[in-house]
Amino acid sequence: MGINLEKMREKRDALENRGGSNVFWRPDDGETTIRIVPTSNGDPFREYWFHYNLGKNPGFLSPKKNFGEDDPLNDFVRQLYKDGADESIRMAKDLSARQRFFAPVLVRGEEERGVRLWGFGKTAYRELLNLVLNPEYGDITDIEDGTDLTINYGKPPGAQFPQTAITPRRKSSPMTESEEQTAVFLDQIPDFDSVFERKTPEQVQVMLDEFLLSEDDVEDVSTESNKYNSGSGKSAVDKAFAELLS
């Protein structure tokens, strides 16, 4: 008996999504057909900014870019750019907030798993907007006359990163076979604002302090930051700022 690939996918999803959540969908290599599910406000796309690469912390929403709040990491990135040194610029690029886009989708052949959120980058987003605005297709999310999309995902020969190709089906089709099932799916759209953990500026400060103190290649910053914190009441980030500006 061969390996059960569906069970393996479920295990991977449970590992990658917090608490075994089934909220997110990511395409496997090859072709997958999906349908973007319409939302009540007429805009199925949501844009968020995430910080990555802050030590071992998973990606998190940027307080500054998403909510206009104080963001110690955003301030630190700005100071790195001001410093101008090659190493500082590289770190700034790694820590800068990055844009991601999300849409609710039904995956054909996996409808029993309900509506999930597909996350994609700016190139795929631009392609999706062009489809939405193309009068030949009309409203691709329409529950009666919308259009399924074929997603071809993978790394072409010689490419450094995987690429996503999006092809609309030639014929329109209903989203489901019955109004009752459509109503169920529309009610299943995940709440965008609750699926991502929101960090406070204070939490970001703690993560940034820990990141700076754990950097082996900036041992001088780590050592001096411990001294700085022991009596001055200021954080490791404040000390790093001072060193960058000196």
C-alpha atoms as a PDB file:
ATOM      1  CA  MET A   1       0.000   0.000   0.000  1.00  0.00           C
ATOM      2  CA  GLY A   2       1.356   3.418  -0.976  1.00  0.00           C
ATOM      3  CA  ILE A   3       1.550   6.443   1.266  1.00  0.00           C
ATOM      4  CA  ASN A   4      -1.725   8.320   1.839  1.00  0.00           C
ATOM      5  CA  LEU A   5      -0.909  11.761   0.435  1.00  0.00           C
ATOM      6  CA  GLU A   6      -4.152  13.305   1.699  1.00  0.00           C
ATOM      7  CA  LYS A   7      -3.317  12.321   5.270  1.00  0.00           C
ATOM      8  CA  MET A   8       0.181  13.689   4.816  1.00  0.00           C
ATOM      9  CA  ARG A   9      -1.247  17.030   3.637  1.00  0.00           C
ATOM     10  CA  GLU A  10      -3.543  17.144   6.661  1.00  0.00           C
ATOM     11  CA  LYS A  11      -0.578  16.530   8.964  1.00  0.00           C
ATOM     12  CA  ARG A  12       1.418  19.283   7.271  1.00  0.00           C
ATOM     13  CA  ASP A  13      -1.511  21.697   7.518  1.00  0.00           C
ATOM     14  CA  ALA A  14      -1.910  20.873  11.198  1.00  0.00           C
ATOM     15  CA  LEU A  15       1.797  21.564  11.740  1.00  0.00           C
ATOM     16  CA  GLU A  16       1.885  24.855   9.831  1.00  0.00           C
ATOM     17  CA  ASN A  17      -1.410  26.321  11.029  1.00  0.00           C
ATOM     18  CA  ARG A  18      -1.762  27.209  14.698  1.00  0.00           C
ATOM     19  CA  GLY A  19      -3.721  24.694  16.705  1.00  0.00           C
ATOM     20  CA  GLY A  20      -4.324  22.512  13.661  1.00  0.00           C
ATOM     21  CA  SER A  21      -6.431  25.299  12.200  1.00  0.00           C
ATOM     22  CA  ASN A  22      -7.912  24.725   8.769  1.00  0.00           C
ATOM     23  CA  VAL A  23      -8.167  28.430   7.979  1.00  0.00           C
ATOM     24  CA  PHE A  24      -5.381  28.771   5.416  1.00  0.00           C
ATOM     25  CA  TRP A  25      -4.754  27.212   2.029  1.00  0.00           C
ATOM     26  CA  ARG A  26      -1.476  27.082   0.148  1.00  0.00           C
ATOM     27  CA  PRO A  27      -1.174  25.542  -3.319  1.00  0.00           C
ATOM     28  CA  ASP A  28       0.802  22.362  -3.802  1.00  0.00           C
ATOM     29  CA  ASP A  29       3.174  22.038  -6.736  1.00  0.00           C
ATOM     30  CA  GLY A  30       1.233  21.583  -9.951  1.00  0.00           C
ATOM     31  CA  GLU A  31      -2.328  22.558 -10.860  1.00  0.00           C
ATOM     32  CA  THR A  32      -5.188  23.302  -8.490  1.00  0.00           C
ATOM     33  CA  THR A  33      -8.593  24.779  -9.325  1.00  0.00           C
ATOM     34  CA  ILE A  34     -10.122  27.302  -6.937  1.00  0.00           C
ATOM     35  CA  ARG A  35     -13.048  29.698  -6.746  1.00  0.00           C
ATOM     36  CA  ILE A  36     -12.721  33.077  -5.038  1.00  0.00           C
ATOM     37  CA  VAL A  37     -15.679  33.482  -2.676  1.00  0.00           C
ATOM     38  CA  PRO A  38     -17.512  36.833  -2.703  1.00  0.00           C
ATOM     39  CA  THR A  39     -17.617  38.891   0.486  1.00  0.00           C
ATOM     40  CA  SER A  40     -20.432  41.079   1.786  1.00  0.00           C
ATOM     41  CA  ASN A  41     -18.520  44.327   1.168  1.00  0.00           C
ATOM     42  CA  GLY A  42     -17.754  43.485  -2.479  1.00  0.00           C
ATOM     43  CA  ASP A  43     -13.990  43.285  -1.913  1.00  0.00           C
ATOM     44  CA  PRO A  44     -12.627  39.743  -1.467  1.00  0.00           C
ATOM     45  CA  PHE A  45      -9.023  40.927  -1.159  1.00  0.00           C
ATOM     46  CA  ARG A  46      -7.316  42.018   2.068  1.00  0.00           C
ATOM     47  CA  GLU A  47      -3.851  43.495   2.407  1.00  0.00           C
ATOM     48  CA  TYR A  48      -1.577  43.103   5.425  1.00  0.00           C
ATOM     49  CA  TRP A  49       2.011  43.914   6.298  1.00  0.00           C
ATOM     50  CA  PHE A  50       4.101  41.341   8.166  1.00  0.00           C
ATOM     51  CA  HIS A  51       7.475  41.399   9.868  1.00  0.00           C
ATOM     52  CA  TYR A  52       9.604  38.288   9.430  1.00  0.00           C
ATOM     53  CA  ASN A  53      13.112  37.180  10.408  1.00  0.00           C
ATOM     54  CA  LEU A  54      13.010  38.560  13.951  1.00  0.00           C
ATOM     55  CA  GLY A  55      14.910  35.700  15.533  1.00  0.00           C
ATOM     56  CA  LYS A  56      12.835  32.548  15.900  1.00  0.00           C
ATOM     57  CA  ASN A  57       9.542  34.449  16.111  1.00  0.00           C
ATOM     58  CA  PRO A  58       6.949  33.618  13.444  1.00  0.00           C
ATOM     59  CA  GLY A  59       5.795  36.386  11.138  1.00  0.00           C
ATOM     60  CA  PHE A  60       3.539  38.947  12.813  1.00  0.00           C
ATOM     61  CA  LEU A  61       1.461  41.956  11.816  1.00  0.00           C
ATOM     62  CA  SER A  62       3.298  45.268  11.702  1.00  0.00           C
ATOM     63  CA  PRO A  63       1.691  47.602  14.279  1.00  0.00           C
ATOM     64  CA  LYS A  64       2.787  50.654  12.258  1.00  0.00           C
ATOM     65  CA  LYS A  65       1.883  49.540   8.739  1.00  0.00           C
ATOM     66  CA  ASN A  66      -1.441  47.924   9.629  1.00  0.00           C
ATOM     67  CA  PHE A  67      -2.785  49.986  12.508  1.00  0.00           C
ATOM     68  CA  GLY A  68      -0.772  53.221  12.661  1.00  0.00           C
ATOM     69  CA  GLU A  69       0.539  52.329  16.126  1.00  0.00           C
ATOM     70  CA  ASP A  70       3.986  52.821  17.607  1.00  0.00           C
ATOM     71  CA  ASP A  71       6.262  50.109  16.277  1.00  0.00           C
ATOM     72  CA  PRO A  72       9.720  49.687  17.847  1.00  0.00           C
ATOM     73  CA  LEU A  73      10.804  47.377  15.043  1.00  0.00           C
ATOM     74  CA  ASN A  74       9.770  49.856  12.358  1.00  0.00           C
ATOM     75  CA  ASP A  75      11.741  52.577  14.211  1.00  0.00           C
ATOM     76  CA  PHE A  76      14.758  50.287  14.438  1.00  0.00           C
ATOM     77  CA  VAL A  77      14.623  49.533  10.699  1.00  0.00           C
ATOM     78  CA  ARG A  78      14.573  53.272   9.927  1.00  0.00           C
ATOM     79  CA  GLN A  79      17.649  53.803  12.081  1.00  0.00           C
ATOM     80  CA  LEU A  80      19.424  50.940  10.315  1.00  0.00           C
ATOM     81  CA  TYR A  81      18.794  52.599   6.965  1.00  0.00           C
ATOM     82  CA  LYS A  82      20.047  55.923   8.338  1.00  0.00           C
ATOM     83  CA  ASP A  83      23.237  54.242   9.509  1.00  0.00           C
ATOM     84  CA  GLY A  84      23.940  53.297   5.877  1.00  0.00           C
ATOM     85  CA  ALA A  85      26.515  50.565   6.536  1.00  0.00           C
ATOM     86  CA  ASP A  86      26.209  47.503   4.320  1.00  0.00           C
ATOM     87  CA  GLU A  87      25.503  45.215   7.280  1.00  0.00           C
ATOM     88  CA  SER A  88      22.884  47.633   8.598  1.00  0.00           C
ATOM     89  CA  ILE A  89      21.161  47.847   5.218  1.00  0.00           C
ATOM     90  CA  ARG A  90      21.054  44.047   4.934  1.00  0.00           C
ATOM     91  CA  MET A  91      19.500  43.750   8.378  1.00  0.00           C
ATOM     92  CA  ALA A  92      17.022  46.524   7.595  1.00  0.00           C
ATOM     93  CA  LYS A  93      15.856  44.704   4.468  1.00  0.00           C
ATOM     94  CA  ASP A  94      15.440  41.452   6.398  1.00  0.00           C
ATOM     95  CA  LEU A  95      13.398  43.105   9.145  1.00  0.00           C
ATOM     96  CA  SER A  96      11.298  45.484   7.022  1.00  0.00           C
ATOM     97  CA  ALA A  97       7.561  44.803   6.862  1.00  0.00           C
ATOM     98  CA  ARG A  98       6.478  42.865   3.777  1.00  0.00           C
ATOM     99  CA  GLN A  99       3.163  43.015   1.994  1.00  0.00           C
ATOM    100  CA  ARG A 100       0.908  39.977   1.672  1.00  0.00           C
ATOM    101  CA  PHE A 101      -2.579  39.650   0.231  1.00  0.00           C
ATOM    102  CA  PHE A 102      -5.394  37.259   1.140  1.00  0.00           C
ATOM    103  CA  ALA A 103      -8.673  36.098  -0.398  1.00  0.00           C
ATOM    104  CA  PRO A 104     -11.302  33.538   0.672  1.00  0.00           C
ATOM    105  CA  VAL A 105     -11.362  30.538  -1.667  1.00  0.00           C
ATOM    106  CA  LEU A 106     -13.013  27.202  -2.258  1.00  0.00           C
ATOM    107  CA  VAL A 107     -10.606  24.545  -3.493  1.00  0.00           C
ATOM    108  CA  ARG A 108     -12.267  22.306  -6.060  1.00  0.00           C
ATOM    109  CA  GLY A 109     -12.226  18.694  -4.949  1.00  0.00           C
ATOM    110  CA  GLU A 110     -11.799  19.813  -1.326  1.00  0.00           C
ATOM    111  CA  GLU A 111     -15.095  21.609  -0.812  1.00  0.00           C
ATOM    112  CA  GLU A 112     -15.712  19.536   2.310  1.00  0.00           C
ATOM    113  CA  ARG A 113     -12.913  21.507   4.002  1.00  0.00           C
ATOM    114  CA  GLY A 114     -14.896  24.710   3.596  1.00  0.00           C
ATOM    115  CA  VAL A 115     -13.794  28.243   2.764  1.00  0.00           C
ATOM    116  CA  ARG A 116     -10.128  28.965   3.451  1.00  0.00           C
ATOM    117  CA  LEU A 117      -7.819  31.945   3.096  1.00  0.00           C
ATOM    118  CA  TRP A 118      -5.251  31.956   0.309  1.00  0.00           C
ATOM    119  CA  GLY A 119      -2.208  34.155   0.892  1.00  0.00           C
ATOM    120  CA  PHE A 120      -0.224  35.456  -2.097  1.00  0.00           C
ATOM    121  CA  GLY A 121       2.222  38.130  -3.153  1.00  0.00           C
ATOM    122  CA  LYS A 122       2.011  41.296  -5.198  1.00  0.00           C
ATOM    123  CA  THR A 123       2.550  39.624  -8.597  1.00  0.00           C
ATOM    124  CA  ALA A 124      -0.393  37.241  -8.133  1.00  0.00           C
ATOM    125  CA  TYR A 125      -2.477  40.090  -6.688  1.00  0.00           C
ATOM    126  CA  ARG A 126      -1.857  42.245  -9.750  1.00  0.00           C
ATOM    127  CA  GLU A 127      -2.849  39.352 -11.997  1.00  0.00           C
ATOM    128  CA  LEU A 128      -6.048  38.784 -10.020  1.00  0.00           C
ATOM    129  CA  LEU A 129      -6.976  42.479 -10.185  1.00  0.00           C
ATOM    130  CA  ASN A 130      -6.481  42.446 -13.952  1.00  0.00           C
ATOM    131  CA  LEU A 131      -8.874  39.501 -14.184  1.00  0.00           C
ATOM    132  CA  VAL A 132     -11.437  41.226 -11.974  1.00  0.00           C
ATOM    133  CA  LEU A 133     -11.292  44.343 -14.151  1.00  0.00           C
ATOM    134  CA  ASN A 134     -11.407  42.428 -17.454  1.00  0.00           C
ATOM    135  CA  PRO A 135     -14.928  42.919 -18.915  1.00  0.00           C
ATOM    136  CA  GLU A 136     -14.675  39.617 -20.789  1.00  0.00           C
ATOM    137  CA  TYR A 137     -14.949  37.717 -17.519  1.00  0.00           C
ATOM    138  CA  GLY A 138     -17.335  39.902 -15.574  1.00  0.00           C
ATOM    139  CA  ASP A 139     -17.541  39.254 -11.848  1.00  0.00           C
ATOM    140  CA  ILE A 140     -15.338  36.188 -11.325  1.00  0.00           C
ATOM    141  CA  THR A 141     -16.728  35.806  -7.786  1.00  0.00           C
ATOM    142  CA  ASP A 142     -20.399  35.744  -8.832  1.00  0.00           C
ATOM    143  CA  ILE A 143     -22.148  32.795  -7.177  1.00  0.00           C
ATOM    144  CA  GLU A 144     -24.084  31.930 -10.371  1.00  0.00           C
ATOM    145  CA  ASP A 145     -21.926  33.103 -13.274  1.00  0.00           C
ATOM    146  CA  GLY A 146     -18.445  33.432 -11.773  1.00  0.00           C
ATOM    147  CA  THR A 147     -15.234  31.854 -13.012  1.00  0.00           C
ATOM    148  CA  ASP A 148     -13.057  29.156 -11.506  1.00  0.00           C
ATOM    149  CA  LEU A 149      -9.306  29.764 -11.608  1.00  0.00           C
ATOM    150  CA  THR A 150      -6.580  27.240 -12.331  1.00  0.00           C
ATOM    151  CA  ILE A 151      -3.524  27.862 -10.160  1.00  0.00           C
ATOM    152  CA  ASN A 152      -0.260  26.456 -11.475  1.00  0.00           C
ATOM    153  CA  TYR A 153       2.338  26.657  -8.740  1.00  0.00           C
ATOM    154  CA  GLY A 154       5.956  25.580  -8.837  1.00  0.00           C
ATOM    155  CA  LYS A 155       9.560  26.500  -9.495  1.00  0.00           C
ATOM    156  CA  PRO A 156      10.410  26.699 -13.218  1.00  0.00           C
ATOM    157  CA  PRO A 157      13.827  25.376 -14.310  1.00  0.00           C
ATOM    158  CA  GLY A 158      16.501  27.860 -13.356  1.00  0.00           C
ATOM    159  CA  ALA A 159      14.194  29.944 -11.159  1.00  0.00           C
ATOM    160  CA  GLN A 160      15.215  30.775  -7.599  1.00  0.00           C
ATOM    161  CA  PHE A 161      11.688  30.934  -6.175  1.00  0.00           C
ATOM    162  CA  PRO A 162       8.348  29.244  -6.951  1.00  0.00           C
ATOM    163  CA  GLN A 163       5.966  31.114  -9.236  1.00  0.00           C
ATOM    164  CA  THR A 164       2.179  31.257  -9.424  1.00  0.00           C
ATOM    165  CA  ALA A 165       0.378  31.241 -12.783  1.00  0.00           C
ATOM    166  CA  ILE A 166      -3.354  31.994 -12.782  1.00  0.00           C
ATOM    167  CA  THR A 167      -5.599  30.926 -15.661  1.00  0.00           C
ATOM    168  CA  PRO A 168      -9.371  31.531 -15.709  1.00  0.00           C
ATOM    169  CA  ARG A 169     -11.611  28.725 -16.958  1.00  0.00           C
ATOM    170  CA  ARG A 170     -13.164  29.320 -20.364  1.00  0.00           C
ATOM    171  CA  LYS A 171     -16.727  28.874 -19.119  1.00  0.00           C
ATOM    172  CA  SER A 172     -18.474  30.474 -16.172  1.00  0.00           C
ATOM    173  CA  SER A 173     -20.148  28.247 -13.605  1.00  0.00           C
ATOM    174  CA  PRO A 174     -22.113  28.395 -10.356  1.00  0.00           C
ATOM    175  CA  MET A 175     -20.087  28.360  -7.162  1.00  0.00           C
ATOM    176  CA  THR A 176     -22.008  25.329  -5.871  1.00  0.00           C
ATOM    177  CA  GLU A 177     -24.795  23.020  -6.976  1.00  0.00           C
ATOM    178  CA  SER A 178     -27.399  24.477  -4.621  1.00  0.00           C
ATOM    179  CA  GLU A 179     -28.392  27.764  -3.016  1.00  0.00           C
ATOM    180  CA  GLU A 180     -28.307  26.083   0.397  1.00  0.00           C
ATOM    181  CA  GLN A 181     -24.690  25.005  -0.005  1.00  0.00           C
ATOM    182  CA  THR A 182     -23.717  28.431  -1.293  1.00  0.00           C
ATOM    183  CA  ALA A 183     -25.300  30.034   1.780  1.00  0.00           C
ATOM    184  CA  VAL A 184     -23.298  27.691   4.022  1.00  0.00           C
ATOM    185  CA  PHE A 185     -20.025  28.594   2.319  1.00  0.00           C
ATOM    186  CA  LEU A 186     -20.724  32.323   2.412  1.00  0.00           C
ATOM    187  CA  ASP A 187     -21.305  32.010   6.149  1.00  0.00           C
ATOM    188  CA  GLN A 188     -17.988  30.162   6.532  1.00  0.00           C
ATOM    189  CA  ILE A 189     -15.721  32.978   5.326  1.00  0.00           C
ATOM    190  CA  PRO A 190     -13.072  33.361   8.060  1.00  0.00           C
ATOM    191  CA  ASP A 191     -12.912  36.652   9.914  1.00  0.00           C
ATOM    192  CA  PHE A 192      -9.787  38.273   8.488  1.00  0.00           C
ATOM    193  CA  ASP A 193      -9.214  40.375  11.601  1.00  0.00           C
ATOM    194  CA  SER A 194      -9.169  37.412  13.989  1.00  0.00           C
ATOM    195  CA  VAL A 195      -6.965  34.880  12.180  1.00  0.00           C
ATOM    196  CA  PHE A 196      -3.703  36.775  12.706  1.00  0.00           C
ATOM    197  CA  GLU A 197      -2.301  37.443  16.148  1.00  0.00           C
ATOM    198  CA  ARG A 198      -1.946  41.143  16.827  1.00  0.00           C
ATOM    199  CA  LYS A 199       1.144  42.174  18.776  1.00  0.00           C
ATOM    200  CA  THR A 200       1.195  45.240  20.983  1.00  0.00           C
ATOM    201  CA  PRO A 201       4.108  47.686  20.679  1.00  0.00           C
ATOM    202  CA  GLU A 202       5.306  46.444  24.079  1.00  0.00           C
ATOM    203  CA  GLN A 203       5.388  42.839  22.856  1.00  0.00           C
ATOM    204  CA  VAL A 204       7.314  43.876  19.757  1.00  0.00           C
ATOM    205  CA  GLN A 205       9.788  45.725  21.980  1.00  0.00           C
ATOM    206  CA  VAL A 206      10.434  42.568  24.014  1.00  0.00           C
ATOM    207  CA  MET A 207      10.942  40.451  20.881  1.00  0.00           C
ATOM    208  CA  LEU A 208      13.326  43.005  19.420  1.00  0.00           C
ATOM    209  CA  ASP A 209      15.352  43.230  22.635  1.00  0.00           C
ATOM    210  CA  GLU A 210      15.674  39.445  22.713  1.00  0.00           C
ATOM    211  CA  PHE A 211      16.684  39.390  19.045  1.00  0.00           C
ATOM    212  CA  LEU A 212      19.431  41.978  19.564  1.00  0.00           C
ATOM    213  CA  LEU A 213      20.751  40.210  22.637  1.00  0.00           C
ATOM    214  CA  SER A 214      20.924  36.878  20.808  1.00  0.00           C
ATOM    215  CA  GLU A 215      22.826  38.107  17.748  1.00  0.00           C
ATOM    216  CA  ASP A 216      26.164  36.288  17.838  1.00  0.00           C
ATOM    217  CA  ASP A 217      27.637  38.498  15.147  1.00  0.00           C
ATOM    218  CA  VAL A 218      26.930  41.681  17.118  1.00  0.00           C
ATOM    219  CA  GLU A 219      28.408  40.527  20.397  1.00  0.00           C
ATOM    220  CA  ASP A 220      29.479  44.021  21.293  1.00  0.00           C
ATOM    221  CA  VAL A 221      25.893  45.235  21.104  1.00  0.00           C
ATOM    222  CA  SER A 222      24.745  42.295  23.236  1.00  0.00           C
ATOM    223  CA  THR A 223      27.366  42.885  25.934  1.00  0.00           C
ATOM    224  CA  GLU A 224      26.898  46.608  26.120  1.00  0.00           C
ATOM    225  CA  SER A 225      23.119  46.249  26.090  1.00  0.00           C
ATOM    226  CA  ASN A 226      23.234  44.096  29.238  1.00  0.00           C
ATOM    227  CA  LYS A 227      25.241  46.782  30.999  1.00  0.00           C
ATOM    228  CA  TYR A 228      22.975  49.480  29.648  1.00  0.00           C
ATOM    229  CA  ASN A 229      19.825  47.747  30.886  1.00  0.00           C
ATOM    230  CA  SER A 230      21.274  46.994  34.332  1.00  0.00           C
ATOM    231  CA  GLY A 231      21.177  50.555  35.605  1.00  0.00           C
ATOM    232  CA  SER A 232      19.794  53.057  33.151  1.00  0.00           C
ATOM    233  CA  GLY A 233      16.272  51.677  32.722  1.00  0.00           C
ATOM    234  CA  LYS A 234      16.629  51.932  28.955  1.00  0.00           C
ATOM    235  CA  SER A 235      16.188  49.013  26.554  1.00  0.00           C
ATOM    236  CA  ALA A 236      18.657  47.234  24.321  1.00  0.00           C
ATOM    237  CA  VAL A 237      16.934  48.896  21.375  1.00  0.00           C
ATOM    238  CA  ASP A 238      17.665  52.357  22.769  1.00  0.00           C
ATOM    239  CA  LYS A 239      21.336  51.413  23.105  1.00  0.00           C
ATOM    240  CA  ALA A 240      21.399  50.053  19.545  1.00  0.00           C
ATOM    241  CA  PHE A 241      19.920  53.306  18.285  1.00  0.00           C
ATOM    242  CA  ALA A 242      22.580  55.295  20.099  1.00  0.00           C
ATOM    243  CA  GLU A 243      25.371  53.202  18.601  1.00  0.00           C
ATOM    244  CA  LEU A 244      23.936  53.485  15.097  1.00  0.00           C
ATOM    245  CA  LEU A 245      23.672  57.251  15.354  1.00  0.00           C
ATOM    246  CA  SER A 246      27.103  57.805  16.915  1.00  0.00           C
END
